[in-house]
Amino acid sequence: MRRMLEITIPIEEDILISLKESEAEFKKDIRFWVGLILYKKGKLSLGKAAEFSGYNEISFINRLSLEGEAIFDYTDGEISEIINDSKKLSSIK
């Protein structure tokens, strides 16, 4: 059995009023955004970021899409390398 930790962050109630969110909505959003940041920084895999955020992988990817976030965030160099590798593979018969 996995051990769960509870982390508490005090938030002034007027923040939730300004955001027009319930406490439950705010908690869900915070988990998503922290999961996204950890994924983008390479600290969590997509699957682990989804799990952290309380989503399955497909739902997490859908939420990324809704938020306009890239699922895969490659640098120009990485994209060039992928293209070159695929060209090499396609020339092999």
C-alpha atoms as a PDB file:
ATOM      1  CA  MET A   1       0.000   0.000   0.000  1.00  0.00           C
ATOM      2  CA  ARG A   2       1.335   3.426  -0.954  1.00  0.00           C
ATOM      3  CA  ARG A   3       1.637   6.044   1.732  1.00  0.00           C
ATOM      4  CA  MET A   4      -0.157   9.314   1.000  1.00  0.00           C
ATOM      5  CA  LEU A   5       1.080  12.680   2.217  1.00  0.00           C
ATOM      6  CA  GLU A   6      -1.135  15.704   2.752  1.00  0.00           C
ATOM      7  CA  ILE A   7       0.403  19.102   1.991  1.00  0.00           C
ATOM      8  CA  THR A   8      -1.434  22.174   3.195  1.00  0.00           C
ATOM      9  CA  ILE A   9      -1.104  25.625   1.665  1.00  0.00           C
ATOM     10  CA  PRO A  10      -2.930  28.453   3.429  1.00  0.00           C
ATOM     11  CA  ILE A  11      -4.934  30.619   0.998  1.00  0.00           C
ATOM     12  CA  GLU A  12      -6.884  33.713   1.925  1.00  0.00           C
ATOM     13  CA  GLU A  13     -10.574  33.267   1.158  1.00  0.00           C
ATOM     14  CA  ASP A  14     -10.674  36.447  -0.938  1.00  0.00           C
ATOM     15  CA  ILE A  15      -8.332  34.759  -3.456  1.00  0.00           C
ATOM     16  CA  LEU A  16     -11.011  32.139  -4.132  1.00  0.00           C
ATOM     17  CA  ILE A  17     -13.628  34.876  -4.372  1.00  0.00           C
ATOM     18  CA  SER A  18     -11.461  36.744  -6.899  1.00  0.00           C
ATOM     19  CA  LEU A  19     -10.989  33.546  -8.898  1.00  0.00           C
ATOM     20  CA  LYS A  20     -14.713  32.738  -8.666  1.00  0.00           C
ATOM     21  CA  GLU A  21     -13.797  29.169  -7.735  1.00  0.00           C
ATOM     22  CA  SER A  22     -14.872  26.842  -4.991  1.00  0.00           C
ATOM     23  CA  GLU A  23     -12.258  25.323  -2.724  1.00  0.00           C
ATOM     24  CA  ALA A  24     -12.628  21.982  -4.550  1.00  0.00           C
ATOM     25  CA  GLU A  25     -12.172  23.609  -7.992  1.00  0.00           C
ATOM     26  CA  PHE A  26      -9.133  25.518  -6.766  1.00  0.00           C
ATOM     27  CA  LYS A  27      -7.524  22.368  -5.335  1.00  0.00           C
ATOM     28  CA  LYS A  28      -8.099  20.501  -8.605  1.00  0.00           C
ATOM     29  CA  ASP A  29      -6.614  23.392 -10.618  1.00  0.00           C
ATOM     30  CA  ILE A  30      -3.587  23.683  -8.335  1.00  0.00           C
ATOM     31  CA  ARG A  31      -2.882  19.951  -8.693  1.00  0.00           C
ATOM     32  CA  PHE A  32      -3.147  20.224 -12.480  1.00  0.00           C
ATOM     33  CA  TRP A  33      -0.873  23.275 -12.767  1.00  0.00           C
ATOM     34  CA  VAL A  34       1.764  21.838 -10.429  1.00  0.00           C
ATOM     35  CA  GLY A  35       1.630  18.532 -12.322  1.00  0.00           C
ATOM     36  CA  LEU A  36       2.035  20.424 -15.597  1.00  0.00           C
ATOM     37  CA  ILE A  37       5.042  22.372 -14.308  1.00  0.00           C
ATOM     38  CA  LEU A  38       6.717  19.206 -13.016  1.00  0.00           C
ATOM     39  CA  TYR A  39       6.092  17.521 -16.395  1.00  0.00           C
ATOM     40  CA  LYS A  40       7.427  20.490 -18.376  1.00  0.00           C
ATOM     41  CA  LYS A  41      10.548  20.613 -16.213  1.00  0.00           C
ATOM     42  CA  GLY A  42      11.127  16.905 -16.860  1.00  0.00           C
ATOM     43  CA  LYS A  43      10.714  15.987 -13.199  1.00  0.00           C
ATOM     44  CA  LEU A  44       7.683  13.763 -13.856  1.00  0.00           C
ATOM     45  CA  SER A  45       6.742  11.646 -16.843  1.00  0.00           C
ATOM     46  CA  LEU A  46       3.428  12.376 -18.560  1.00  0.00           C
ATOM     47  CA  GLY A  47       1.849   9.412 -16.752  1.00  0.00           C
ATOM     48  CA  LYS A  48       3.143  10.462 -13.331  1.00  0.00           C
ATOM     49  CA  ALA A  49       2.115  14.101 -13.927  1.00  0.00           C
ATOM     50  CA  ALA A  50      -1.374  12.879 -14.832  1.00  0.00           C
ATOM     51  CA  GLU A  51      -1.471  10.701 -11.709  1.00  0.00           C
ATOM     52  CA  PHE A  52      -0.244  13.590  -9.537  1.00  0.00           C
ATOM     53  CA  SER A  53      -2.934  15.827 -11.029  1.00  0.00           C
ATOM     54  CA  GLY A  54      -5.706  13.318 -10.380  1.00  0.00           C
ATOM     55  CA  TYR A  55      -6.264  12.451 -14.057  1.00  0.00           C
ATOM     56  CA  ASN A  56      -5.696   9.393 -16.203  1.00  0.00           C
ATOM     57  CA  GLU A  57      -3.250   9.987 -19.082  1.00  0.00           C
ATOM     58  CA  ILE A  58      -5.908  10.614 -21.746  1.00  0.00           C
ATOM     59  CA  SER A  59      -7.828  13.068 -19.550  1.00  0.00           C
ATOM     60  CA  PHE A  60      -4.578  14.859 -18.661  1.00  0.00           C
ATOM     61  CA  ILE A  61      -3.669  15.160 -22.363  1.00  0.00           C
ATOM     62  CA  ASN A  62      -7.180  16.478 -23.082  1.00  0.00           C
ATOM     63  CA  ARG A  63      -6.802  19.075 -20.324  1.00  0.00           C
ATOM     64  CA  LEU A  64      -3.389  20.081 -21.728  1.00  0.00           C
ATOM     65  CA  SER A  65      -5.057  20.573 -25.097  1.00  0.00           C
ATOM     66  CA  LEU A  66      -7.901  22.630 -23.601  1.00  0.00           C
ATOM     67  CA  GLU A  67      -5.337  24.848 -21.855  1.00  0.00           C
ATOM     68  CA  GLY A  68      -3.334  25.280 -25.075  1.00  0.00           C
ATOM     69  CA  GLU A  69      -0.329  23.494 -23.582  1.00  0.00           C
ATOM     70  CA  ALA A  70       2.008  21.409 -25.724  1.00  0.00           C
ATOM     71  CA  ILE A  71       2.000  17.702 -24.979  1.00  0.00           C
ATOM     72  CA  PHE A  72       5.563  17.345 -26.193  1.00  0.00           C
ATOM     73  CA  ASP A  73       7.820  20.376 -25.911  1.00  0.00           C
ATOM     74  CA  TYR A  74      10.848  19.665 -28.104  1.00  0.00           C
ATOM     75  CA  THR A  75      13.621  22.148 -28.858  1.00  0.00           C
ATOM     76  CA  ASP A  76      14.450  22.961 -32.495  1.00  0.00           C
ATOM     77  CA  GLY A  77      17.551  20.764 -32.210  1.00  0.00           C
ATOM     78  CA  GLU A  78      15.552  17.819 -30.898  1.00  0.00           C
ATOM     79  CA  ILE A  79      13.011  18.185 -33.723  1.00  0.00           C
ATOM     80  CA  SER A  80      15.805  18.275 -36.304  1.00  0.00           C
ATOM     81  CA  GLU A  81      17.340  15.153 -34.783  1.00  0.00           C
ATOM     82  CA  ILE A  82      13.995  13.325 -34.870  1.00  0.00           C
ATOM     83  CA  ILE A  83      13.451  14.312 -38.523  1.00  0.00           C
ATOM     84  CA  ASN A  84      16.983  13.247 -39.498  1.00  0.00           C
ATOM     85  CA  ASP A  85      16.611   9.936 -37.668  1.00  0.00           C
ATOM     86  CA  SER A  86      13.279   9.251 -39.367  1.00  0.00           C
ATOM     87  CA  LYS A  87      14.795  10.033 -42.794  1.00  0.00           C
ATOM     88  CA  LYS A  88      17.598   7.562 -42.074  1.00  0.00           C
ATOM     89  CA  LEU A  89      15.098   4.905 -41.033  1.00  0.00           C
ATOM     90  CA  SER A  90      12.928   5.443 -44.093  1.00  0.00           C
ATOM     91  CA  SER A  91      15.953   4.970 -46.412  1.00  0.00           C
ATOM     92  CA  ILE A  92      16.744   1.562 -44.843  1.00  0.00           C
ATOM     93  CA  LYS A  93      15.155  -1.275 -46.812  1.00  0.00           C
END
